[in-house]
Amino acid sequence: MTPPKTPYGSEPPPRSTLTRTLGVMDGFAIAASSTAATTSIGIGLGVTAGVVGLHLPIIMLLAFLPVLGIASAYARLNRSEPNMGSGYVWVGRSLSPWLGFLVGWIGLVATVVFLSYTTAVTGSALLQLARLAGLDAVAGLTLDPDSTAQSTALGILVLLAVTLTAVTGLRSAANLQKYLLVFEYAVLLAFCGYGLVVGPHPFSLDWLNPFTIPSGQALAQGLILSVFCYWGFESSFSVNEEVRDPADASKAGLITLFTMLGLFLLGSFAFQRVLSQDELAGNGAQGLAFLGDRLADQPLAALPLIALTFSAVASLQAGVIPTVRGMFAMSRDRTMGPLWARISPRHGTPAAGTLAIGAIAAAVAVLSLVLPKIGDVVLASVNAIGVVVSLYYALTALAAAARFRARPLTVVVPVLSAAVLLALGGYLCWTFYTSADHFEVSPDNGWFMLACPAVMLLSGIMAAAWAKWVRKSPYFVTGRGTDPDAVPLTA
């Protein structure tokens, strides 16, 4: 008698399960490391200041409002249907399987791009530390922290190490994240708090006036960049099948979001108290290290750079974890290949997928060598991720509105949040399109900046078509994700 067919062959795979060991603080550690406040402050604030000038506090506050609406949608959907696929599952069921797949795909490609440029940022930070320690050259090669090639090569070694750590399980990963976070936040609070008190530039109410931002394009781009800074709070929802109580994922996500708001506002005010607009814009990718140099002498001045390094390392690991969980959910629906659903019998984690994500991110990091400077890589990546993340946040909010439409009061906030993010992303794409008349691989070229998110979305549409008509995934028939306990997992 022929055995029943399973999703990935004729033989029923052995049963294995993901381990439910995490609590609220573990989820917070993973989500906070994914959001990477220290990296966002150290790099993102300077990049954003180059767009909006001395309006960082109001931009961070305005961007928080729609993201908070998105967070409430995530929390409500998570209570209704806890699934590590999160937006991919919720949007597919409530709106459309095509849109749901696109949400899952965006999460994958955005994280891969994030990991690739964070790999370079990590290497750059390590090179800066080496130069501070007096090591200016190795084997005749002069160390250059702004060299994409050197930074990427060193960062890939770090990416390999943290990927191997993520394979061993979320418990060990979360424990590492906690120690790194304690050091990062202590340094942030100390230096930003001190800068807030002693900075030479006086407080100005204009910092809180969005109407004096140079242009509508600057406002839209600044808000998109700020949304990117908050991106990652939803990582706690990607591990909701590995927490003891799925409600803990919602608590961890909201705690993370409010923590980020406090840190970003503190960092925004401190940066503008200590640094001029030209200094902020001119030291974008090295903003936190420059702040440290202005506030202290060595070796204390190196502490912000060390914190930035720790944050980059933590976000590399934290970026791998939720992405692999999302791919795991897609794989058990047969919208992605069987590799992503393989569970390590030793560690109880999707080890093969974890290694695959690390390898793909390393390959994309090598491709980014077409941009010779770290600052260019950061600016192009952050803008592209900001646009696509705004789209998948908006779709998840609309999924919540559709699912809970019988309760009108719960619909208003997610719909407004989605409308704001879609309007911002659409307007920014339009300004990119109209700002250039030729294509050039440069973050100053609007067509290139538009091409980056466009490639992410078009590749998702092609992958969805493959899943529907070649893999013949039932997800595109029902729009429902697989129940976590309904199928055996491949060991």
Protein backbone atom coordinates (compact mmCIF):
# COMPACT_ATOMS: atom_id res chain seq x y z
CA MET A 1 0.00 0.00 0.00
CA THR A 2 1.36 3.40 -1.00
CA PRO A 3 1.93 5.66 2.02
CA PRO A 4 0.04 8.97 2.03
CA LYS A 5 1.70 11.86 0.27
CA THR A 6 3.22 14.55 2.46
CA PRO A 7 4.16 18.05 1.36
CA TYR A 8 7.76 17.04 0.67
CA GLY A 9 7.77 13.41 -0.42
CA SER A 10 6.10 10.05 -0.05
CA GLU A 11 7.60 9.20 3.32
CA PRO A 12 6.06 10.85 6.41
CA PRO A 13 8.86 12.91 7.98
CA PRO A 14 9.76 12.36 11.62
CA ARG A 15 7.96 14.53 14.13
CA SER A 16 9.88 17.40 15.69
CA THR A 17 8.75 20.54 17.46
CA LEU A 18 9.95 24.04 18.11
CA THR A 19 10.76 24.57 21.74
CA ARG A 20 8.55 26.94 23.78
CA THR A 21 11.00 28.40 26.26
CA LEU A 22 10.84 32.16 25.81
CA GLY A 23 9.20 34.77 28.02
CA VAL A 24 8.38 38.47 27.63
CA MET A 25 11.92 39.69 28.27
CA ASP A 26 13.38 37.18 25.82
CA GLY A 27 11.00 38.46 23.16
CA PHE A 28 11.92 42.04 24.09
CA ALA A 29 15.64 41.24 23.79
CA ILE A 30 15.15 39.83 20.27
CA ALA A 31 12.83 42.65 19.14
CA ALA A 32 14.99 45.39 20.67
CA SER A 33 18.10 43.96 19.05
CA SER A 34 16.29 43.75 15.70
CA THR A 35 15.26 47.39 16.04
CA ALA A 36 18.88 48.15 17.00
CA ALA A 37 18.40 51.50 18.73
CA THR A 38 22.12 52.13 19.07
CA THR A 39 22.74 51.51 15.37
CA SER A 40 19.69 53.58 14.42
CA ILE A 41 20.84 56.46 16.62
CA GLY A 42 24.48 56.13 15.62
CA ILE A 43 23.79 55.99 11.88
CA GLY A 44 20.11 56.72 11.20
CA LEU A 45 19.91 60.07 13.00
CA GLY A 46 22.79 61.53 11.03
CA VAL A 47 21.37 60.26 7.73
CA THR A 48 17.93 61.64 8.62
CA ALA A 49 19.39 64.99 9.68
CA GLY A 50 20.95 65.25 6.24
CA VAL A 51 17.37 65.25 4.87
CA VAL A 52 15.30 67.19 7.45
CA GLY A 53 17.94 69.33 9.16
CA LEU A 54 17.49 70.09 12.86
CA HIS A 55 14.04 68.52 13.13
CA LEU A 56 14.98 65.06 14.39
CA PRO A 57 12.79 65.09 17.54
CA ILE A 58 9.52 65.96 15.77
CA ILE A 59 10.25 63.56 12.88
CA MET A 60 10.84 60.68 15.31
CA LEU A 61 7.66 61.54 17.22
CA LEU A 62 5.49 61.89 14.10
CA ALA A 63 6.76 58.59 12.67
CA PHE A 64 5.99 56.84 15.96
CA LEU A 65 2.25 57.55 15.70
CA PRO A 66 1.42 55.43 12.63
CA VAL A 67 3.87 52.74 13.76
CA LEU A 68 2.02 52.57 17.10
CA GLY A 69 -1.19 52.02 15.14
CA ILE A 70 0.54 49.20 13.26
CA ALA A 71 1.71 47.70 16.56
CA SER A 72 -1.86 47.66 17.89
CA ALA A 73 -2.93 45.82 14.71
CA TYR A 74 -0.15 43.26 15.21
CA ALA A 75 -1.16 42.71 18.83
CA ARG A 76 -4.84 42.22 17.97
CA LEU A 77 -4.09 39.83 15.11
CA ASN A 78 -1.65 37.90 17.29
CA ARG A 79 -4.35 37.35 19.92
CA SER A 80 -6.69 36.10 17.20
CA GLU A 81 -4.22 33.85 15.37
CA PRO A 82 -0.72 33.36 16.79
CA ASN A 83 1.50 32.18 13.93
CA MET A 84 5.19 32.77 13.28
CA GLY A 85 4.25 33.79 9.74
CA SER A 86 2.56 36.87 11.31
CA GLY A 87 1.75 39.38 8.52
CA TYR A 88 2.16 36.77 5.78
CA VAL A 89 -0.56 34.62 7.35
CA TRP A 90 -2.85 37.43 8.51
CA VAL A 91 -2.81 39.40 5.25
CA GLY A 92 -3.22 36.25 3.15
CA ARG A 93 -6.33 35.22 5.08
CA SER A 94 -7.95 38.65 5.47
CA LEU A 95 -7.04 40.41 2.19
CA SER A 96 -5.45 38.25 -0.52
CA PRO A 97 -2.96 35.35 -0.73
CA TRP A 98 -0.96 37.35 -3.28
CA LEU A 99 -0.67 40.30 -0.90
CA GLY A 100 0.05 37.94 1.98
CA PHE A 101 2.89 36.31 0.07
CA LEU A 102 4.22 39.76 -0.82
CA VAL A 103 4.29 40.68 2.88
CA GLY A 104 6.31 37.55 3.67
CA TRP A 105 8.62 38.16 0.73
CA ILE A 106 9.22 41.80 1.65
CA GLY A 107 10.17 40.69 5.16
CA LEU A 108 12.72 38.32 3.65
CA VAL A 109 14.35 40.63 1.12
CA ALA A 110 14.29 43.69 3.40
CA THR A 111 16.07 41.73 6.12
CA VAL A 112 18.62 40.35 3.67
CA VAL A 113 19.40 43.91 2.52
CA PHE A 114 19.51 45.04 6.15
CA LEU A 115 21.90 42.21 7.05
CA SER A 116 24.12 42.96 4.07
CA TYR A 117 24.63 46.64 4.91
CA THR A 118 24.81 45.95 8.66
CA THR A 119 27.58 43.48 7.83
CA ALA A 120 29.52 46.37 6.27
CA VAL A 121 28.66 48.70 9.18
CA THR A 122 29.92 46.09 11.67
CA GLY A 123 33.17 45.70 9.78
CA SER A 124 33.57 49.48 9.56
CA ALA A 125 33.05 49.86 13.31
CA LEU A 126 35.63 47.16 14.02
CA LEU A 127 38.12 48.90 11.71
CA GLN A 128 37.52 52.19 13.52
CA LEU A 129 38.22 50.44 16.83
CA ALA A 130 41.39 48.91 15.40
CA ARG A 131 42.64 52.34 14.35
CA LEU A 132 41.84 53.77 17.78
CA ALA A 133 43.93 50.96 19.27
CA GLY A 134 46.86 52.06 17.08
CA LEU A 135 46.53 49.38 14.39
CA ASP A 136 46.65 51.35 11.12
CA ALA A 137 47.73 48.60 8.71
CA VAL A 138 47.75 44.80 8.40
CA ALA A 139 50.17 43.02 6.04
CA GLY A 140 50.86 46.30 4.27
CA LEU A 141 47.16 47.10 3.80
CA THR A 142 46.10 50.43 5.28
CA LEU A 143 42.89 49.98 7.28
CA ASP A 144 40.10 52.23 5.99
CA PRO A 145 36.77 52.18 7.90
CA ASP A 146 35.05 53.89 4.95
CA SER A 147 36.16 51.20 2.49
CA THR A 148 33.19 49.01 1.56
CA ALA A 149 35.51 46.17 0.54
CA GLN A 150 37.46 46.01 3.81
CA SER A 151 34.39 46.56 5.97
CA THR A 152 32.38 43.90 4.13
CA ALA A 153 35.14 41.29 4.32
CA LEU A 154 35.52 41.72 8.08
CA GLY A 155 31.77 41.97 8.64
CA ILE A 156 31.11 38.68 6.81
CA LEU A 157 33.27 36.89 9.37
CA VAL A 158 31.11 38.36 12.15
CA LEU A 159 27.91 37.42 10.26
CA LEU A 160 29.13 33.83 10.03
CA ALA A 161 29.80 33.69 13.78
CA VAL A 162 26.40 35.10 14.83
CA THR A 163 24.58 32.87 12.33
CA LEU A 164 26.17 29.81 13.91
CA THR A 165 25.10 31.11 17.33
CA ALA A 166 21.51 31.53 16.11
CA VAL A 167 21.48 27.89 15.00
CA THR A 168 21.90 26.69 18.58
CA GLY A 169 18.53 28.10 19.64
CA LEU A 170 16.68 31.19 20.75
CA ARG A 171 17.54 30.76 24.40
CA SER A 172 21.27 31.18 23.85
CA ALA A 173 20.64 33.93 21.30
CA ALA A 174 18.30 35.84 23.64
CA ASN A 175 20.78 35.56 26.51
CA LEU A 176 23.54 37.04 24.35
CA GLN A 177 21.21 39.84 23.23
CA LYS A 178 20.40 40.77 26.84
CA TYR A 179 24.03 41.30 27.79
CA LEU A 180 24.71 43.34 24.67
CA LEU A 181 21.59 45.46 25.22
CA VAL A 182 22.50 46.29 28.82
CA PHE A 183 25.90 47.64 27.75
CA GLU A 184 24.51 49.51 24.71
CA TYR A 185 21.72 51.22 26.63
CA ALA A 186 24.01 52.15 29.53
CA VAL A 187 26.40 53.88 27.11
CA LEU A 188 23.54 55.55 25.21
CA LEU A 189 21.92 56.88 28.35
CA ALA A 190 25.22 58.11 29.77
CA PHE A 191 26.52 59.93 26.68
CA CYS A 192 23.19 61.22 25.35
CA GLY A 193 22.13 62.30 28.84
CA TYR A 194 25.43 64.10 29.35
CA GLY A 195 25.21 65.72 25.91
CA LEU A 196 21.67 66.86 26.67
CA VAL A 197 23.00 68.80 29.67
CA VAL A 198 26.32 70.20 28.44
CA GLY A 199 25.71 70.61 24.69
CA PRO A 200 26.68 74.10 23.43
CA HIS A 201 23.67 74.54 21.13
CA PRO A 202 20.56 75.88 22.91
CA PHE A 203 17.17 74.18 22.76
CA SER A 204 14.89 75.54 20.06
CA LEU A 205 11.14 75.19 19.64
CA ASP A 206 11.81 75.03 15.91
CA TRP A 207 13.13 71.49 16.47
CA LEU A 208 9.50 70.54 17.17
CA ASN A 209 7.97 72.46 14.26
CA PRO A 210 7.39 70.19 11.21
CA PHE A 211 6.21 73.16 9.11
CA THR A 212 9.76 74.55 8.86
CA ILE A 213 11.16 71.37 7.31
CA PRO A 214 12.67 72.42 3.94
CA SER A 215 10.16 70.67 1.64
CA GLY A 216 7.41 68.10 1.37
CA GLN A 217 9.87 65.63 -0.10
CA ALA A 218 12.21 66.14 2.86
CA LEU A 219 9.31 65.56 5.28
CA ALA A 220 8.21 62.38 3.48
CA GLN A 221 11.75 61.00 3.21
CA GLY A 222 12.49 61.89 6.84
CA LEU A 223 9.36 60.07 8.00
CA ILE A 224 10.19 57.00 5.89
CA LEU A 225 13.72 56.95 7.34
CA SER A 226 12.24 57.24 10.84
CA VAL A 227 9.78 54.40 10.18
CA PHE A 228 12.81 52.34 9.23
CA CYS A 229 14.37 53.17 12.60
CA TYR A 230 11.33 51.64 14.37
CA TRP A 231 11.35 48.62 12.05
CA GLY A 232 12.02 45.39 13.95
CA PHE A 233 9.60 45.68 16.89
CA GLU A 234 7.47 43.01 15.18
CA SER A 235 10.29 40.46 15.49
CA SER A 236 8.72 39.34 18.76
CA PHE A 237 5.66 38.17 16.80
CA SER A 238 7.85 35.98 14.59
CA VAL A 239 8.80 33.85 17.59
CA ASN A 240 5.26 33.57 19.01
CA GLU A 241 5.34 29.79 18.56
CA GLU A 242 8.44 29.61 20.75
CA VAL A 243 7.22 31.71 23.68
CA ARG A 244 5.43 30.10 26.61
CA ASP A 245 2.36 32.31 26.06
CA PRO A 246 1.71 33.92 22.62
CA ALA A 247 0.39 37.02 24.44
CA ASP A 248 3.96 37.58 25.63
CA ALA A 249 4.93 38.35 22.02
CA SER A 250 2.46 41.26 21.97
CA LYS A 251 3.74 42.61 25.27
CA ALA A 252 7.35 42.35 24.10
CA GLY A 253 6.57 44.18 20.84
CA LEU A 254 4.82 47.09 22.54
CA ILE A 255 7.48 47.39 25.27
CA THR A 256 10.12 47.49 22.54
CA LEU A 257 8.30 50.19 20.59
CA PHE A 258 7.91 52.56 23.55
CA THR A 259 11.51 51.92 24.61
CA MET A 260 12.67 52.86 21.13
CA LEU A 261 10.62 56.08 21.22
CA GLY A 262 12.29 57.16 24.46
CA LEU A 263 15.78 56.35 23.20
CA PHE A 264 15.24 58.03 19.82
CA LEU A 265 13.91 61.22 21.39
CA LEU A 266 16.79 61.29 23.85
CA GLY A 267 19.29 60.72 21.05
CA SER A 268 17.64 63.33 18.80
CA PHE A 269 17.76 66.09 21.41
CA ALA A 270 21.28 65.15 22.51
CA PHE A 271 22.65 65.11 18.97
CA GLN A 272 21.20 68.53 18.22
CA ARG A 273 22.45 69.96 21.51
CA VAL A 274 26.00 68.77 20.84
CA LEU A 275 26.40 68.87 17.05
CA SER A 276 25.60 71.49 14.43
CA GLN A 277 23.50 70.66 11.38
CA ASP A 278 26.62 70.45 9.19
CA GLU A 279 28.32 68.13 11.69
CA LEU A 280 25.24 65.91 11.87
CA ALA A 281 24.85 65.62 8.11
CA GLY A 282 28.57 65.32 7.45
CA ASN A 283 29.14 62.47 9.91
CA GLY A 284 25.99 60.44 9.19
CA ALA A 285 27.43 56.91 9.28
CA GLN A 286 29.85 57.82 12.10
CA GLY A 287 27.49 60.09 14.05
CA LEU A 288 27.67 58.30 17.41
CA ALA A 289 31.45 57.98 17.32
CA PHE A 290 31.72 61.69 16.48
CA LEU A 291 29.43 62.52 19.41
CA GLY A 292 31.67 60.52 21.72
CA ASP A 293 34.74 62.43 20.53
CA ARG A 294 33.00 65.74 21.25
CA LEU A 295 31.96 64.77 24.77
CA ALA A 296 34.95 62.85 26.14
CA ASP A 297 38.62 62.07 25.70
CA GLN A 298 39.99 58.66 24.87
CA PRO A 299 39.56 55.95 26.02
CA LEU A 300 36.07 56.97 27.24
CA ALA A 301 35.28 58.48 23.84
CA ALA A 302 35.54 55.00 22.33
CA LEU A 303 32.60 53.67 24.38
CA PRO A 304 29.88 54.87 21.95
CA LEU A 305 31.75 53.22 19.08
CA ILE A 306 32.01 49.98 21.09
CA ALA A 307 28.27 50.21 21.82
CA LEU A 308 27.58 50.72 18.12
CA THR A 309 29.68 47.65 17.32
CA PHE A 310 27.78 45.56 19.87
CA SER A 311 24.47 46.83 18.48
CA ALA A 312 25.46 45.94 14.92
CA VAL A 313 26.55 42.45 15.98
CA ALA A 314 23.32 41.95 17.94
CA SER A 315 21.16 43.16 15.06
CA LEU A 316 22.91 40.78 12.68
CA GLN A 317 21.92 37.86 14.86
CA ALA A 318 18.47 39.25 15.64
CA GLY A 319 17.84 39.90 11.95
CA VAL A 320 18.48 36.27 11.06
CA ILE A 321 16.13 34.81 13.69
CA PRO A 322 12.69 36.29 12.78
CA THR A 323 13.33 36.03 9.04
CA VAL A 324 14.00 32.31 9.23
CA ARG A 325 10.82 31.85 11.31
CA GLY A 326 8.82 33.65 8.64
CA MET A 327 10.33 31.46 5.93
CA PHE A 328 9.55 28.41 8.09
CA ALA A 329 5.85 29.38 8.09
CA MET A 330 5.90 29.91 4.33
CA SER A 331 7.65 26.60 3.75
CA ARG A 332 5.06 24.56 5.64
CA ASP A 333 2.44 26.19 3.37
CA ARG A 334 4.55 25.09 0.35
CA THR A 335 4.94 28.69 -0.83
CA MET A 336 8.68 28.24 -0.25
CA GLY A 337 10.91 25.20 -0.60
CA PRO A 338 11.29 22.39 1.97
CA LEU A 339 14.73 23.58 3.10
CA TRP A 340 13.15 26.29 5.26
CA ALA A 341 10.99 23.82 7.22
CA ARG A 342 13.81 21.53 8.30
CA ILE A 343 14.21 21.40 12.08
CA SER A 344 17.49 20.45 13.74
CA PRO A 345 16.77 17.42 15.95
CA ARG A 346 19.60 18.55 18.24
CA HIS A 347 18.72 22.22 18.69
CA GLY A 348 15.01 22.29 17.82
CA THR A 349 15.55 25.25 15.45
CA PRO A 350 15.27 25.74 11.67
CA ALA A 351 19.03 25.36 11.38
CA ALA A 352 19.27 24.83 7.60
CA GLY A 353 17.23 27.96 6.91
CA THR A 354 19.32 29.96 9.38
CA LEU A 355 22.52 29.02 7.58
CA ALA A 356 20.92 29.76 4.21
CA ILE A 357 19.85 33.28 5.27
CA GLY A 358 23.38 33.99 6.51
CA ALA A 359 24.87 32.81 3.21
CA ILE A 360 22.42 34.85 1.11
CA ALA A 361 23.06 37.98 3.18
CA ALA A 362 26.82 37.52 2.76
CA ALA A 363 26.38 37.21 -1.02
CA VAL A 364 24.29 40.39 -1.19
CA ALA A 365 26.88 42.18 0.96
CA VAL A 366 29.49 41.31 -1.67
CA LEU A 367 27.21 42.68 -4.42
CA SER A 368 26.95 45.98 -2.53
CA LEU A 369 30.61 46.60 -3.36
CA VAL A 370 29.34 48.50 -6.42
CA LEU A 371 28.87 51.39 -3.97
CA PRO A 372 32.39 52.32 -2.82
CA LYS A 373 31.51 54.17 0.38
CA ILE A 374 29.76 52.89 3.50
CA GLY A 375 27.62 56.02 3.69
CA ASP A 376 26.28 55.40 0.17
CA VAL A 377 25.40 51.78 1.00
CA VAL A 378 23.58 52.87 4.15
CA LEU A 379 21.57 55.64 2.46
CA ALA A 380 20.46 53.48 -0.49
CA SER A 381 19.58 50.51 1.73
CA VAL A 382 17.70 52.49 4.38
CA ASN A 383 15.55 54.32 1.82
CA ALA A 384 14.66 51.11 -0.03
CA ILE A 385 13.84 49.24 3.17
CA GLY A 386 11.82 52.17 4.49
CA VAL A 387 9.58 52.20 1.39
CA VAL A 388 8.85 48.45 1.34
CA VAL A 389 8.47 48.20 5.13
CA SER A 390 5.88 50.99 5.01
CA LEU A 391 3.98 48.89 2.45
CA TYR A 392 3.96 45.68 4.47
CA TYR A 393 3.11 47.51 7.69
CA ALA A 394 0.18 49.15 5.87
CA LEU A 395 -1.06 45.82 4.47
CA THR A 396 -0.93 44.21 7.92
CA ALA A 397 -2.91 47.09 9.40
CA LEU A 398 -5.52 46.78 6.64
CA ALA A 399 -5.73 43.04 7.35
CA ALA A 400 -6.57 43.86 10.98
CA ALA A 401 -9.22 46.35 9.85
CA ALA A 402 -10.77 43.75 7.52
CA ARG A 403 -10.75 40.96 10.10
CA PHE A 404 -12.27 43.07 12.90
CA ARG A 405 -14.56 45.24 10.77
CA ALA A 406 -17.55 44.21 12.89
CA ARG A 407 -16.09 46.46 15.61
CA PRO A 408 -15.82 49.90 13.94
CA LEU A 409 -13.89 51.54 16.77
CA THR A 410 -11.04 49.06 16.30
CA VAL A 411 -10.85 49.79 12.56
CA VAL A 412 -10.14 53.53 12.59
CA VAL A 413 -6.58 53.49 13.96
CA PRO A 414 -5.14 50.77 11.68
CA VAL A 415 -6.82 52.29 8.59
CA LEU A 416 -5.45 55.76 9.35
CA SER A 417 -1.99 54.33 10.07
CA ALA A 418 -2.03 52.38 6.80
CA ALA A 419 -3.20 55.43 4.84
CA VAL A 420 -0.38 57.58 6.24
CA LEU A 421 2.31 55.00 5.42
CA LEU A 422 0.98 54.32 1.92
CA ALA A 423 0.78 58.05 1.19
CA LEU A 424 4.34 58.61 2.43
CA GLY A 425 5.77 55.72 0.43
CA GLY A 426 3.85 56.65 -2.72
CA TYR A 427 4.83 60.32 -2.55
CA LEU A 428 8.49 59.48 -1.94
CA CYS A 429 8.56 57.10 -4.92
CA TRP A 430 7.02 59.82 -7.08
CA THR A 431 9.66 62.33 -6.04
CA PHE A 432 12.39 59.78 -6.81
CA TYR A 433 10.91 59.27 -10.28
CA THR A 434 10.65 62.97 -11.10
CA SER A 435 14.01 64.00 -9.66
CA ALA A 436 16.20 62.37 -12.34
CA ASP A 437 16.34 62.01 -16.12
CA HIS A 438 18.86 59.15 -16.32
CA PHE A 439 19.90 56.07 -14.34
CA GLU A 440 23.07 55.96 -12.29
CA VAL A 441 24.15 53.62 -9.47
CA SER A 442 24.26 56.29 -6.79
CA PRO A 443 22.14 57.21 -3.74
CA ASP A 444 21.88 60.70 -5.27
CA ASN A 445 20.08 59.32 -8.33
CA GLY A 446 16.28 59.16 -7.97
CA TRP A 447 15.82 56.39 -10.53
CA PHE A 448 18.32 54.19 -8.71
CA MET A 449 16.61 54.90 -5.39
CA LEU A 450 13.27 53.95 -6.97
CA ALA A 451 14.70 50.84 -8.64
CA CYS A 452 15.82 49.30 -5.34
CA PRO A 453 12.33 48.89 -3.76
CA ALA A 454 10.85 48.16 -7.22
CA VAL A 455 13.17 45.15 -7.64
CA MET A 456 12.17 43.90 -4.19
CA LEU A 457 8.47 44.04 -5.08
CA LEU A 458 8.76 42.64 -8.63
CA SER A 459 10.85 39.69 -7.42
CA GLY A 460 8.09 38.99 -4.87
CA ILE A 461 5.43 38.90 -7.58
CA MET A 462 7.51 36.42 -9.61
CA ALA A 463 8.14 34.24 -6.55
CA ALA A 464 4.40 34.28 -5.77
CA ALA A 465 3.58 33.16 -9.32
CA TRP A 466 6.07 30.29 -8.96
CA ALA A 467 4.52 29.25 -5.64
CA LYS A 468 1.00 29.30 -7.07
CA TRP A 469 1.44 27.62 -10.44
CA VAL A 470 4.60 25.51 -10.03
CA ARG A 471 4.57 24.55 -6.35
CA LYS A 472 0.75 24.55 -6.43
CA SER A 473 0.62 25.75 -2.83
CA PRO A 474 -2.82 25.39 -1.19
CA TYR A 475 -2.18 28.78 0.43
CA PHE A 476 -3.23 30.45 -2.82
CA VAL A 477 -6.52 28.53 -2.74
CA THR A 478 -7.55 29.07 0.87
CA GLY A 479 -5.50 32.11 1.85
CA ARG A 480 -4.91 30.43 5.21
CA GLY A 481 -1.62 29.56 6.82
CA THR A 482 -1.01 26.05 8.08
CA ASP A 483 -1.94 25.39 11.69
CA PRO A 484 1.36 25.04 13.59
CA ASP A 485 0.27 21.69 15.03
CA ALA A 486 -1.39 20.35 11.87
CA VAL A 487 1.68 19.03 10.05
CA PRO A 488 4.82 17.16 11.09
CA LEU A 489 8.05 19.07 10.82
CA THR A 490 11.00 17.85 8.83
CA ALA A 491 14.00 16.89 10.92
